[in-house]
Amino acid sequence: MAPPVRGLKGAVWQKLKSAVFDDFRKEEEWKVMLLDDYTTKLLSLCCKMTDLLAEGITVVENVYKNREPVPHMKAIYLITPTKKSVDGLIDDFITKSCSRYKAAYVYFTDFCPDSLFNKIKSSCAKSIKKCKEINISFFPYESQVFILNVPDAFYRCYSPTLEKTKEKDAVMQVMAEQIVTLCATLDENPGVRYKRYKTEGSAGKEKEAILEEDDDLWVKMRHKHIADVIEEIPKLLKEISSKKKEAEGKLSLSALSQLMKRMPQYRKEISKQVVHLNIAEDCMSKFKSNIERLCKTEQDLALGTDAEGQKVKDSMRVLLPVLLNKSHESYDKIRAILLYIFSTNGTTQENLEKLIQNVHIESDSDMIRNWKYLDVPVISSFAVQQHKYPRRDRSSEETFQLSRWTPVIKDVMEDAIENKLDSKDWPYSSRCPPTWNGSGAVSARQKPKGSSREERKSSARLIIFVIGGVTYSEMRCAYEVSEAYKSCEVVIGSTHILTPKRLLDEVKSLTKPKDMVSIKDE
């Protein structure tokens, strides 16, 4: 039996069990479960079909699709309060003689508007035995990462085309309500602080592998540097093989296949290791020599120093090799140009035009120009000194040469835990008492201190929310800081996940009319 899923995923599953399945705990009969697209993803992130079977669910169906009637069985509807989902519910009980199920037990993920509630009431009230709002309006993406599934939040919050509309206020209200459901699920009533910005001006068979929280190796490796992963997995494989005195030395994939045949008792364990070794090797195959040079340039421009710690004196000289390299994609060159502009606190209009023309990115130039709407100086003649978050000195920390940059969010996490956030830059929206070692207001619950991972999870909790997307490196920081500060668990969330390409695409879309913007979650 798989170990229980912990963290956010476990918290959501426990809430679903208490809010939904506990209503049927005394009944010994099988039930049908109806889901929409949102709740299908929600359940897939926090449980398996075996978990649902244990709760008496024998069939899971899509509420949108036409289904065979099962009039002798009760149906549990776990759906979002939307017109499409409610219409699917009503269609199942449009007439009593043609009802698809014996009765309906309806659970909305969020507040159901009066208009939809009245529609249900007038159409199929007699068939509904229970109607409940369970308030889970977020996805538990990882054990310490949550996503609100608002993929267009970046556009709605930062697009200049929507400045005179109420789009930003509307999406901010929705996000606030979603975060409240997160806090309720975690049983938290936290103090709230927000960042106040100071601005002036403007081959072979394919095998599918499911990566999930109960895969200990995936949880252990997913945020590690690829170099560490490549080194560690073969060691684990060698440990397994040594148990049966198998040949030592570097193990190839073909040798591992033979090993699996001779060691049935280790087949499952080795198979899992091989999957992750394959994933790591696939990642390394993307990392070619030209990518290594690109990464070095990005690190030098982002930090302003090279791998030896020497200050970069001529940013343009660092940038040019990337722009002249024909093997780099336009997205790579645009990203390098942006890092150059950031490092020099803006460039001249003439220089920007030359860069755009020489690299032939005229059609994508808004990926660069539109950063001004995020209060980033692009043209130096109009730029004032940008207020930057004071960075921590990490020169003594051991890092890989191509991974020297540390996301700013990690500094914010550590400063929050150590109660070092400036109240002028991070004013309080609401306060709560300190909870550990004189540190800042993080959680309203008084919790015991602990040193182990499980004890820490019952201690203090810091919740970070980023509007407009969170990157994988920022997600990694939550785990690193949680590991470093045993008394506090850091949970990070956002509206959606950002990749380098998606960020540039979203910045480009900022100046487009709303009806021409189509942003879907990846």
Protein backbone atom coordinates (compact mmCIF):
# COMPACT_ATOMS: atom_id res chain seq x y z
CA MET A 1 0.00 0.00 0.00
CA ALA A 2 1.33 3.42 -0.93
CA PRO A 3 2.21 5.74 1.96
CA PRO A 4 -0.26 8.54 2.68
CA VAL A 5 0.32 11.68 0.65
CA ARG A 6 1.42 14.57 2.84
CA GLY A 7 1.70 18.30 2.42
CA LEU A 8 -0.84 20.29 0.41
CA LYS A 9 -2.00 17.26 -1.55
CA GLY A 10 -2.68 15.35 1.63
CA ALA A 11 -4.47 18.33 3.19
CA VAL A 12 -6.80 18.65 0.19
CA TRP A 13 -7.57 14.93 0.16
CA GLN A 14 -8.33 14.96 3.89
CA LYS A 15 -10.68 17.90 3.40
CA LEU A 16 -12.46 16.10 0.55
CA LYS A 17 -12.85 13.04 2.73
CA SER A 18 -14.30 15.02 5.63
CA ALA A 19 -16.46 17.39 3.55
CA VAL A 20 -17.75 14.88 0.99
CA PHE A 21 -17.15 11.21 1.72
CA ASP A 22 -17.83 11.34 5.46
CA ASP A 23 -21.46 12.10 4.55
CA PHE A 24 -21.70 8.51 3.26
CA ARG A 25 -19.47 6.76 5.81
CA LYS A 26 -22.32 4.71 7.31
CA GLU A 27 -23.72 3.63 3.95
CA GLU A 28 -22.50 0.35 2.49
CA GLU A 29 -23.42 0.86 -1.15
CA TRP A 30 -21.51 1.82 -4.27
CA LYS A 31 -21.93 5.28 -5.75
CA VAL A 32 -21.23 7.10 -9.01
CA MET A 33 -19.08 10.25 -8.99
CA LEU A 34 -19.54 13.07 -11.51
CA LEU A 35 -16.72 15.54 -12.15
CA ASP A 36 -16.11 18.50 -14.47
CA ASP A 37 -12.75 19.41 -15.99
CA TYR A 38 -11.63 21.42 -12.95
CA THR A 39 -12.50 18.81 -10.33
CA THR A 40 -11.06 16.02 -12.49
CA LYS A 41 -7.68 17.76 -12.33
CA LEU A 42 -8.16 18.52 -8.63
CA LEU A 43 -8.77 14.88 -7.75
CA SER A 44 -5.98 13.64 -10.02
CA LEU A 45 -3.54 15.81 -8.05
CA CYS A 46 -4.45 14.49 -4.61
CA CYS A 47 -5.76 10.92 -4.92
CA LYS A 48 -5.93 7.77 -7.04
CA MET A 49 -8.78 5.58 -8.22
CA THR A 50 -7.97 3.11 -5.45
CA ASP A 51 -8.58 5.88 -2.91
CA LEU A 52 -11.98 6.56 -4.46
CA LEU A 53 -12.82 2.84 -4.46
CA ALA A 54 -12.05 2.78 -0.75
CA GLU A 55 -14.64 5.56 -0.33
CA GLY A 56 -17.32 3.56 -2.15
CA ILE A 57 -16.97 5.13 -5.61
CA THR A 58 -17.25 2.51 -8.34
CA VAL A 59 -17.56 4.75 -11.41
CA VAL A 60 -16.17 8.22 -12.19
CA GLU A 61 -17.80 10.09 -15.08
CA ASN A 62 -17.55 13.48 -16.80
CA VAL A 63 -20.63 15.60 -16.06
CA TYR A 64 -20.41 17.23 -19.50
CA LYS A 65 -20.73 13.99 -21.46
CA ASN A 66 -23.70 11.82 -22.29
CA ARG A 67 -23.81 8.75 -20.03
CA GLU A 68 -25.68 5.52 -19.57
CA PRO A 69 -28.32 5.84 -16.81
CA VAL A 70 -27.78 3.95 -13.55
CA PRO A 71 -31.12 4.63 -11.80
CA HIS A 72 -30.43 2.32 -8.84
CA MET A 73 -27.27 4.20 -7.75
CA LYS A 74 -26.73 7.48 -5.94
CA ALA A 75 -24.55 10.09 -7.63
CA ILE A 76 -22.03 12.43 -6.02
CA TYR A 77 -21.49 15.61 -8.03
CA LEU A 78 -18.19 17.32 -7.25
CA ILE A 79 -18.32 20.28 -9.60
CA THR A 80 -17.50 23.96 -9.98
CA PRO A 81 -20.39 26.47 -9.71
CA THR A 82 -20.46 27.27 -13.44
CA LYS A 83 -23.32 27.29 -15.93
CA LYS A 84 -21.85 24.41 -17.94
CA SER A 85 -21.45 22.13 -14.92
CA VAL A 86 -24.86 23.02 -13.48
CA ASP A 87 -26.50 22.35 -16.86
CA GLY A 88 -24.87 18.90 -16.85
CA LEU A 89 -26.37 18.24 -13.42
CA ILE A 90 -29.84 19.43 -14.44
CA ASP A 91 -29.80 17.34 -17.62
CA ASP A 92 -29.41 14.20 -15.50
CA PHE A 93 -32.67 14.91 -13.64
CA ILE A 94 -34.68 16.89 -16.18
CA THR A 95 -37.65 14.59 -15.62
CA LYS A 96 -38.25 12.21 -12.74
CA SER A 97 -39.07 9.30 -15.03
CA CYS A 98 -35.84 9.73 -16.99
CA SER A 99 -33.45 10.44 -14.14
CA ARG A 100 -30.01 8.95 -14.70
CA TYR A 101 -29.43 8.29 -11.01
CA LYS A 102 -31.34 7.46 -7.84
CA ALA A 103 -30.47 10.80 -6.21
CA ALA A 104 -27.93 13.61 -6.42
CA TYR A 105 -25.53 14.78 -3.72
CA VAL A 106 -24.04 18.04 -4.96
CA TYR A 107 -20.74 19.50 -3.73
CA PHE A 108 -19.55 22.79 -5.21
CA THR A 109 -15.87 23.68 -4.99
CA ASP A 110 -16.76 27.33 -4.34
CA PHE A 111 -19.63 29.73 -3.66
CA CYS A 112 -22.61 29.05 -5.92
CA PRO A 113 -24.22 32.25 -7.27
CA ASP A 114 -27.92 32.74 -6.54
CA SER A 115 -28.76 32.61 -10.25
CA LEU A 116 -27.36 29.08 -10.61
CA PHE A 117 -28.78 27.95 -7.27
CA ASN A 118 -32.26 29.13 -8.26
CA LYS A 119 -31.88 27.39 -11.61
CA ILE A 120 -31.18 24.11 -9.84
CA LYS A 121 -34.00 24.72 -7.38
CA SER A 122 -36.56 25.23 -10.14
CA SER A 123 -35.38 22.30 -12.25
CA CYS A 124 -34.47 19.31 -10.10
CA ALA A 125 -34.75 20.20 -6.41
CA LYS A 126 -36.64 17.00 -5.53
CA SER A 127 -33.81 14.82 -6.80
CA ILE A 128 -31.13 16.59 -4.77
CA LYS A 129 -30.58 15.17 -1.28
CA LYS A 130 -27.67 17.41 -0.32
CA CYS A 131 -26.12 20.62 -1.69
CA LYS A 132 -22.90 21.89 -0.13
CA GLU A 133 -20.02 24.30 -0.79
CA ILE A 134 -16.67 22.79 0.24
CA ASN A 135 -14.41 25.78 -0.63
CA ILE A 136 -11.39 24.31 -2.44
CA SER A 137 -10.48 26.80 -5.18
CA PHE A 138 -6.86 25.91 -5.81
CA PHE A 139 -4.76 23.05 -7.15
CA PRO A 140 -2.23 21.33 -4.84
CA TYR A 141 0.46 21.23 -7.54
CA GLU A 142 3.14 19.82 -5.22
CA SER A 143 3.42 19.16 -1.50
CA GLN A 144 4.48 22.80 -0.95
CA VAL A 145 3.21 24.46 -4.16
CA PHE A 146 -0.33 25.59 -5.02
CA ILE A 147 -1.77 27.03 -8.24
CA LEU A 148 -4.96 29.10 -8.60
CA ASN A 149 -5.44 28.22 -12.28
CA VAL A 150 -5.85 31.81 -13.48
CA PRO A 151 -3.64 31.67 -16.61
CA ASP A 152 -4.64 35.14 -17.85
CA ALA A 153 -3.83 36.90 -14.54
CA PHE A 154 -0.57 38.36 -15.90
CA TYR A 155 -2.43 40.06 -18.76
CA ARG A 156 -5.38 41.20 -16.65
CA CYS A 157 -3.16 42.70 -13.93
CA TYR A 158 -0.48 44.37 -16.04
CA SER A 159 -1.87 45.12 -19.52
CA PRO A 160 -2.07 48.88 -20.24
CA THR A 161 -5.07 48.19 -22.51
CA LEU A 162 -7.14 47.34 -19.41
CA GLU A 163 -6.09 50.29 -17.24
CA LYS A 164 -9.47 52.01 -17.49
CA THR A 165 -11.46 48.84 -16.86
CA LYS A 166 -12.19 46.95 -13.66
CA GLU A 167 -10.48 43.79 -14.90
CA LYS A 168 -7.60 44.04 -12.42
CA ASP A 169 -9.87 44.60 -9.41
CA ALA A 170 -12.06 41.70 -10.52
CA VAL A 171 -9.23 39.20 -10.89
CA MET A 172 -7.62 40.37 -7.63
CA GLN A 173 -10.91 39.77 -5.82
CA VAL A 174 -11.18 36.27 -7.30
CA MET A 175 -7.59 35.42 -6.34
CA ALA A 176 -8.12 36.71 -2.79
CA GLU A 177 -11.17 34.48 -2.39
CA GLN A 178 -9.21 31.50 -3.72
CA ILE A 179 -6.37 32.10 -1.27
CA VAL A 180 -8.92 32.19 1.56
CA THR A 181 -9.95 28.63 0.62
CA LEU A 182 -6.28 27.61 0.79
CA CYS A 183 -5.95 29.05 4.30
CA ALA A 184 -9.17 27.32 5.36
CA THR A 185 -7.92 23.99 4.02
CA LEU A 186 -4.65 24.40 5.95
CA ASP A 187 -6.52 25.62 9.05
CA GLU A 188 -4.54 28.86 8.97
CA ASN A 189 -5.53 32.42 9.82
CA PRO A 190 -2.29 34.16 8.84
CA GLY A 191 -1.13 37.71 9.10
CA VAL A 192 -0.90 39.25 5.63
CA ARG A 193 1.90 41.38 4.18
CA TYR A 194 2.28 42.54 0.60
CA LYS A 195 5.10 43.99 -1.49
CA ARG A 196 4.74 47.74 -2.05
CA TYR A 197 6.69 48.80 -5.13
CA LYS A 198 8.32 52.22 -5.31
CA THR A 199 7.97 53.58 -8.84
CA GLU A 200 8.77 56.88 -10.40
CA GLY A 201 7.71 57.29 -14.05
CA SER A 202 7.09 54.20 -16.03
CA ALA A 203 14.25 6.14 -30.32
CA GLY A 204 12.97 2.68 -28.89
CA LYS A 205 9.66 1.92 -27.25
CA GLU A 206 8.12 4.73 -25.32
CA LYS A 207 7.08 4.16 -21.74
CA GLU A 208 4.79 6.45 -19.84
CA ALA A 209 5.93 7.31 -16.34
CA ILE A 210 3.60 8.96 -13.83
CA LEU A 211 5.48 11.41 -11.63
CA GLU A 212 3.63 11.83 -8.35
CA GLU A 213 4.08 12.56 -4.66
CA ASP A 214 4.25 8.90 -3.56
CA ASP A 215 7.24 8.35 -5.84
CA ASP A 216 9.94 9.01 -3.23
CA LEU A 217 12.68 9.29 -5.83
CA TRP A 218 10.75 11.90 -7.83
CA VAL A 219 10.04 13.95 -4.70
CA LYS A 220 13.71 13.74 -3.73
CA MET A 221 15.14 14.59 -7.17
CA ARG A 222 12.68 16.94 -8.89
CA HIS A 223 14.23 20.21 -7.66
CA LYS A 224 17.85 19.06 -7.57
CA HIS A 225 20.51 20.22 -10.00
CA ILE A 226 20.76 17.88 -13.00
CA ALA A 227 24.45 17.23 -12.22
CA ASP A 228 23.52 15.89 -8.78
CA VAL A 229 20.76 13.73 -10.25
CA ILE A 230 23.03 12.20 -12.91
CA GLU A 231 25.53 11.32 -10.18
CA GLU A 232 23.08 10.05 -7.57
CA ILE A 233 20.77 7.72 -9.53
CA PRO A 234 23.54 5.38 -10.77
CA LYS A 235 24.73 5.13 -7.16
CA LEU A 236 21.27 4.00 -6.08
CA LEU A 237 21.16 1.47 -8.91
CA LYS A 238 24.56 0.10 -7.93
CA GLU A 239 23.40 -0.29 -4.33
CA ILE A 240 20.47 -2.42 -5.47
CA SER A 241 22.60 -4.61 -7.72
CA SER A 242 25.23 -5.13 -5.04
CA LYS A 243 22.66 -6.83 -2.84
CA LYS A 244 22.87 -9.82 -5.16
CA LYS A 245 26.62 -9.46 -5.83
CA GLU A 246 26.03 -8.36 -9.40
CA ALA A 247 28.84 -6.95 -11.47
CA GLU A 248 30.20 -3.63 -10.32
CA GLY A 249 31.09 -0.68 -12.46
CA LYS A 250 29.04 1.68 -14.61
CA LEU A 251 25.66 0.17 -15.44
CA SER A 252 24.21 0.63 -18.90
CA LEU A 253 20.48 0.52 -19.56
CA SER A 254 20.84 -2.82 -21.41
CA ALA A 255 22.71 -4.30 -18.44
CA LEU A 256 19.97 -3.10 -16.14
CA SER A 257 17.36 -4.85 -18.29
CA GLN A 258 19.22 -8.14 -17.82
CA LEU A 259 19.56 -7.43 -14.12
CA MET A 260 15.80 -7.04 -13.85
CA LYS A 261 15.24 -10.50 -15.35
CA ARG A 262 17.63 -12.11 -12.86
CA MET A 263 16.33 -10.25 -9.84
CA PRO A 264 12.51 -10.40 -9.82
CA GLN A 265 12.35 -9.25 -6.21
CA TYR A 266 14.01 -5.98 -7.19
CA ARG A 267 12.20 -5.53 -10.51
CA LYS A 268 9.86 -2.78 -9.34
CA GLU A 269 12.56 -0.83 -7.50
CA ILE A 270 15.02 -1.01 -10.38
CA SER A 271 12.31 -0.12 -12.90
CA LYS A 272 11.59 3.09 -11.02
CA GLN A 273 15.29 3.96 -10.88
CA VAL A 274 15.68 3.30 -14.62
CA VAL A 275 12.75 5.60 -15.41
CA HIS A 276 14.41 8.46 -13.55
CA LEU A 277 17.79 7.72 -15.12
CA ASN A 278 16.11 7.91 -18.53
CA ILE A 279 14.50 11.23 -17.62
CA ALA A 280 17.83 12.62 -16.44
CA GLU A 281 19.60 11.45 -19.60
CA ASP A 282 16.87 13.01 -21.76
CA CYS A 283 17.37 16.30 -19.92
CA MET A 284 21.12 16.13 -20.43
CA SER A 285 20.66 15.43 -24.15
CA LYS A 286 19.06 18.89 -24.44
CA PHE A 287 22.05 20.45 -22.76
CA LYS A 288 24.46 20.94 -25.64
CA SER A 289 27.69 22.90 -25.79
CA ASN A 290 26.01 26.01 -27.17
CA ILE A 291 23.50 25.90 -24.30
CA GLU A 292 26.38 25.84 -21.83
CA ARG A 293 27.80 29.05 -23.31
CA LEU A 294 24.34 30.64 -23.29
CA CYS A 295 23.86 29.76 -19.61
CA LYS A 296 27.25 31.26 -18.72
CA THR A 297 26.29 34.51 -20.47
CA GLU A 298 22.93 34.64 -18.70
CA GLN A 299 24.53 34.07 -15.29
CA ASP A 300 27.21 36.73 -15.88
CA LEU A 301 24.64 39.33 -16.98
CA ALA A 302 22.15 38.50 -14.22
CA LEU A 303 24.73 38.67 -11.44
CA GLY A 304 27.07 41.29 -12.88
CA THR A 305 30.03 39.04 -12.06
CA ASP A 306 31.64 36.06 -13.76
CA ALA A 307 32.23 32.58 -12.32
CA GLU A 308 35.45 33.79 -10.66
CA GLY A 309 33.62 36.63 -8.94
CA GLN A 310 35.13 39.33 -11.16
CA LYS A 311 32.84 42.24 -12.03
CA VAL A 312 31.53 42.33 -15.61
CA LYS A 313 32.90 45.59 -17.00
CA ASP A 314 31.46 45.44 -20.52
CA SER A 315 27.99 43.86 -20.70
CA MET A 316 27.77 44.32 -24.48
CA ARG A 317 30.94 42.30 -24.95
CA VAL A 318 29.37 39.48 -22.93
CA LEU A 319 26.13 39.70 -24.93
CA LEU A 320 27.48 39.76 -28.51
CA PRO A 321 28.60 36.08 -28.80
CA VAL A 322 25.03 34.98 -28.04
CA LEU A 323 23.53 37.33 -30.63
CA LEU A 324 26.02 36.21 -33.30
CA ASN A 325 25.49 32.50 -32.65
CA LYS A 326 23.12 31.18 -35.33
CA SER A 327 22.32 28.04 -33.33
CA HIS A 328 20.50 30.02 -30.63
CA GLU A 329 16.74 30.49 -30.99
CA SER A 330 15.22 33.96 -31.04
CA TYR A 331 13.74 33.41 -27.55
CA ASP A 332 17.25 32.77 -26.19
CA LYS A 333 18.58 35.94 -27.81
CA ILE A 334 15.66 38.04 -26.57
CA ARG A 335 16.21 36.76 -23.04
CA ALA A 336 19.91 37.64 -23.27
CA ILE A 337 19.08 41.14 -24.57
CA LEU A 338 16.71 41.66 -21.65
CA LEU A 339 19.37 40.60 -19.15
CA TYR A 340 21.76 43.06 -20.79
CA ILE A 341 19.16 45.86 -20.48
CA PHE A 342 18.42 44.96 -16.85
CA SER A 343 22.14 44.91 -16.00
CA THR A 344 22.67 48.41 -17.41
CA ASN A 345 19.44 49.87 -15.98
CA GLY A 346 18.13 50.52 -19.48
CA THR A 347 19.67 51.27 -22.87
CA THR A 348 19.32 54.01 -25.47
CA GLN A 349 16.54 54.00 -28.06
CA GLU A 350 19.15 53.86 -30.82
CA ASN A 351 20.94 50.89 -29.28
CA LEU A 352 17.67 49.03 -28.73
CA GLU A 353 16.66 49.50 -32.38
CA LYS A 354 20.06 48.21 -33.54
CA LEU A 355 19.78 45.14 -31.34
CA ILE A 356 16.28 44.35 -32.60
CA GLN A 357 17.22 44.80 -36.27
CA ASN A 358 20.52 42.92 -36.11
CA VAL A 359 18.92 39.91 -34.44
CA HIS A 360 15.86 40.09 -36.77
CA ILE A 361 13.25 40.06 -34.00
CA GLU A 362 11.11 42.97 -35.19
CA SER A 363 7.90 40.92 -34.91
CA ASP A 364 8.74 40.00 -31.31
CA SER A 365 10.13 43.36 -30.19
CA ASP A 366 7.23 43.84 -27.76
CA MET A 367 8.76 41.04 -25.70
CA ILE A 368 11.38 43.65 -24.85
CA ARG A 369 9.53 46.98 -25.07
CA ASN A 370 6.56 45.91 -22.94
CA TRP A 371 8.67 45.48 -19.81
CA LYS A 372 8.14 49.20 -19.26
CA TYR A 373 4.57 48.33 -18.20
CA LEU A 374 6.10 46.29 -15.38
CA ASP A 375 8.06 49.38 -14.24
CA VAL A 376 11.31 47.99 -15.62
CA PRO A 377 13.47 50.67 -17.32
CA VAL A 378 14.00 49.66 -20.95
CA ILE A 379 15.08 53.06 -22.35
CA SER A 380 17.66 54.70 -20.09
CA SER A 381 16.79 58.26 -21.15
CA PHE A 382 13.40 57.86 -19.48
CA ALA A 383 14.56 55.69 -16.63
CA VAL A 384 15.25 56.61 -13.07
CA GLN A 385 17.15 54.36 -10.69
CA GLN A 386 14.91 51.35 -10.16
CA HIS A 387 14.20 50.31 -6.58
CA LYS A 388 15.69 46.84 -6.21
CA TYR A 389 15.27 44.37 -3.40
CA PRO A 390 18.48 44.29 -1.30
CA ARG A 391 20.16 40.96 -2.06
CA ARG A 392 21.75 38.65 0.45
CA ASP A 393 25.45 37.87 0.13
CA ARG A 394 25.64 34.27 -1.06
CA SER A 395 29.25 34.34 -2.24
CA SER A 396 30.22 31.74 0.36
CA GLU A 397 27.51 29.27 -0.74
CA GLU A 398 28.54 26.34 -2.91
CA THR A 399 26.86 26.49 -6.32
CA PHE A 400 27.38 25.23 -9.84
CA GLN A 401 28.96 27.79 -12.17
CA LEU A 402 25.93 27.76 -14.46
CA SER A 403 23.45 28.06 -11.57
CA ARG A 404 24.87 30.95 -9.57
CA TRP A 405 21.75 33.14 -9.71
CA THR A 406 19.41 32.84 -6.73
CA PRO A 407 15.77 33.94 -7.18
CA VAL A 408 14.86 37.08 -5.22
CA ILE A 409 11.94 35.21 -3.69
CA LYS A 410 14.39 33.11 -1.65
CA ASP A 411 15.72 36.27 0.02
CA VAL A 412 12.13 37.32 0.74
CA MET A 413 11.34 33.94 2.31
CA GLU A 414 14.40 34.03 4.55
CA ASP A 415 13.83 37.67 5.54
CA ALA A 416 10.21 36.90 6.42
CA ILE A 417 11.20 33.98 8.64
CA GLU A 418 13.92 36.04 10.33
CA ASN A 419 11.55 39.01 10.75
CA LYS A 420 13.77 41.23 8.58
CA LEU A 421 11.19 42.44 6.06
CA ASP A 422 11.05 46.25 6.00
CA SER A 423 7.52 47.25 7.06
CA LYS A 424 7.69 50.25 4.69
CA ASP A 425 8.27 48.02 1.69
CA TRP A 426 6.15 45.17 3.07
CA PRO A 427 3.28 46.78 4.98
CA TYR A 428 0.80 44.70 6.94
CA SER A 429 -2.72 44.17 5.70
CA SER A 430 -3.46 42.22 8.87
CA ARG A 431 -1.26 41.20 11.76
CA CYS A 432 -0.89 38.09 13.86
CA PRO A 433 1.31 37.14 16.82
CA PRO A 434 4.85 35.83 16.25
CA THR A 435 5.08 32.04 16.41
CA TRP A 436 8.72 30.99 16.68
CA ASN A 437 11.98 32.38 18.05
CA GLY A 438 10.99 36.03 17.70
CA SER A 439 10.37 35.69 13.98
CA GLY A 440 7.78 37.61 12.03
CA ALA A 441 4.05 37.13 11.79
CA VAL A 442 3.46 34.09 9.67
CA SER A 443 0.67 32.03 11.18
CA ALA A 444 -1.98 32.80 13.76
CA ARG A 445 -1.79 29.28 15.16
CA GLN A 446 0.61 28.66 18.05
CA LYS A 447 2.55 25.53 17.17
CA PRO A 448 5.33 23.56 18.84
CA LYS A 449 8.85 23.71 17.53
CA GLY A 450 10.40 20.61 16.00
CA SER A 451 13.48 19.47 14.17
CA SER A 452 12.24 16.63 11.98
CA ARG A 453 10.42 17.12 8.72
CA GLU A 454 7.11 15.90 10.11
CA GLU A 455 7.45 17.95 13.29
CA ARG A 456 8.23 21.01 11.19
CA LYS A 457 5.04 20.52 9.22
CA SER A 458 3.06 20.93 12.44
CA SER A 459 4.98 24.06 13.38
CA ALA A 460 4.88 27.48 11.73
CA ARG A 461 3.98 28.02 8.10
CA LEU A 462 4.90 30.82 5.68
CA ILE A 463 2.61 31.17 2.65
CA ILE A 464 3.97 33.12 -0.34
CA PHE A 465 1.69 34.12 -3.23
CA VAL A 466 3.01 35.56 -6.50
CA ILE A 467 0.63 37.30 -8.91
CA GLY A 468 1.22 36.52 -12.57
CA GLY A 469 3.06 33.21 -12.42
CA VAL A 470 5.76 31.32 -10.52
CA THR A 471 8.85 29.65 -11.98
CA TYR A 472 10.21 26.21 -11.16
CA SER A 473 13.34 27.72 -9.61
CA GLU A 474 11.13 29.80 -7.29
CA MET A 475 9.20 26.66 -6.37
CA ARG A 476 12.49 24.97 -5.53
CA CYS A 477 13.28 27.79 -3.08
CA ALA A 478 10.29 26.83 -0.92
CA TYR A 479 11.80 23.40 -0.32
CA GLU A 480 15.32 24.71 0.21
CA VAL A 481 14.23 27.30 2.78
CA SER A 482 11.97 24.77 4.55
CA GLU A 483 14.94 22.43 4.84
CA ALA A 484 17.23 25.19 6.12
CA TYR A 485 14.73 26.59 8.67
CA LYS A 486 13.43 23.52 10.48
CA SER A 487 10.86 25.52 12.47
CA CYS A 488 8.97 26.75 9.40
CA GLU A 489 7.34 25.17 6.37
CA VAL A 490 7.26 27.44 3.30
CA VAL A 491 4.36 27.07 0.88
CA ILE A 492 4.48 29.00 -2.40
CA GLY A 493 1.69 29.55 -4.90
CA SER A 494 0.68 31.59 -7.91
CA THR A 495 -1.91 31.98 -10.61
CA HIS A 496 -0.05 29.59 -12.93
CA ILE A 497 3.36 28.10 -13.76
CA LEU A 498 5.78 30.21 -15.80
CA THR A 499 8.40 28.91 -18.21
CA PRO A 500 10.95 31.25 -19.88
CA LYS A 501 9.07 31.06 -23.19
CA ARG A 502 5.67 31.61 -21.62
CA LEU A 503 6.88 34.67 -19.72
CA LEU A 504 8.06 36.34 -22.94
CA ASP A 505 4.82 35.43 -24.72
CA GLU A 506 2.76 36.96 -21.91
CA VAL A 507 4.85 40.15 -21.86
CA LYS A 508 4.35 40.43 -25.63
CA SER A 509 0.57 40.10 -25.22
CA LEU A 510 0.29 43.02 -22.77
CA THR A 511 -0.38 45.60 -25.52
CA LYS A 512 -2.82 43.45 -27.47
CA PRO A 513 -6.59 44.07 -27.30
CA LYS A 514 -8.35 41.70 -24.93
CA ASP A 515 -10.25 39.93 -27.71
CA MET A 516 -6.96 39.03 -29.39
CA VAL A 517 -5.42 37.45 -26.30
CA SER A 518 -5.87 33.74 -25.78
CA ILE A 519 -3.93 32.36 -22.84
CA LYS A 520 -4.47 28.79 -21.73
CA ASP A 521 -2.91 26.93 -18.86
CA GLU A 522 -0.14 24.60 -19.96
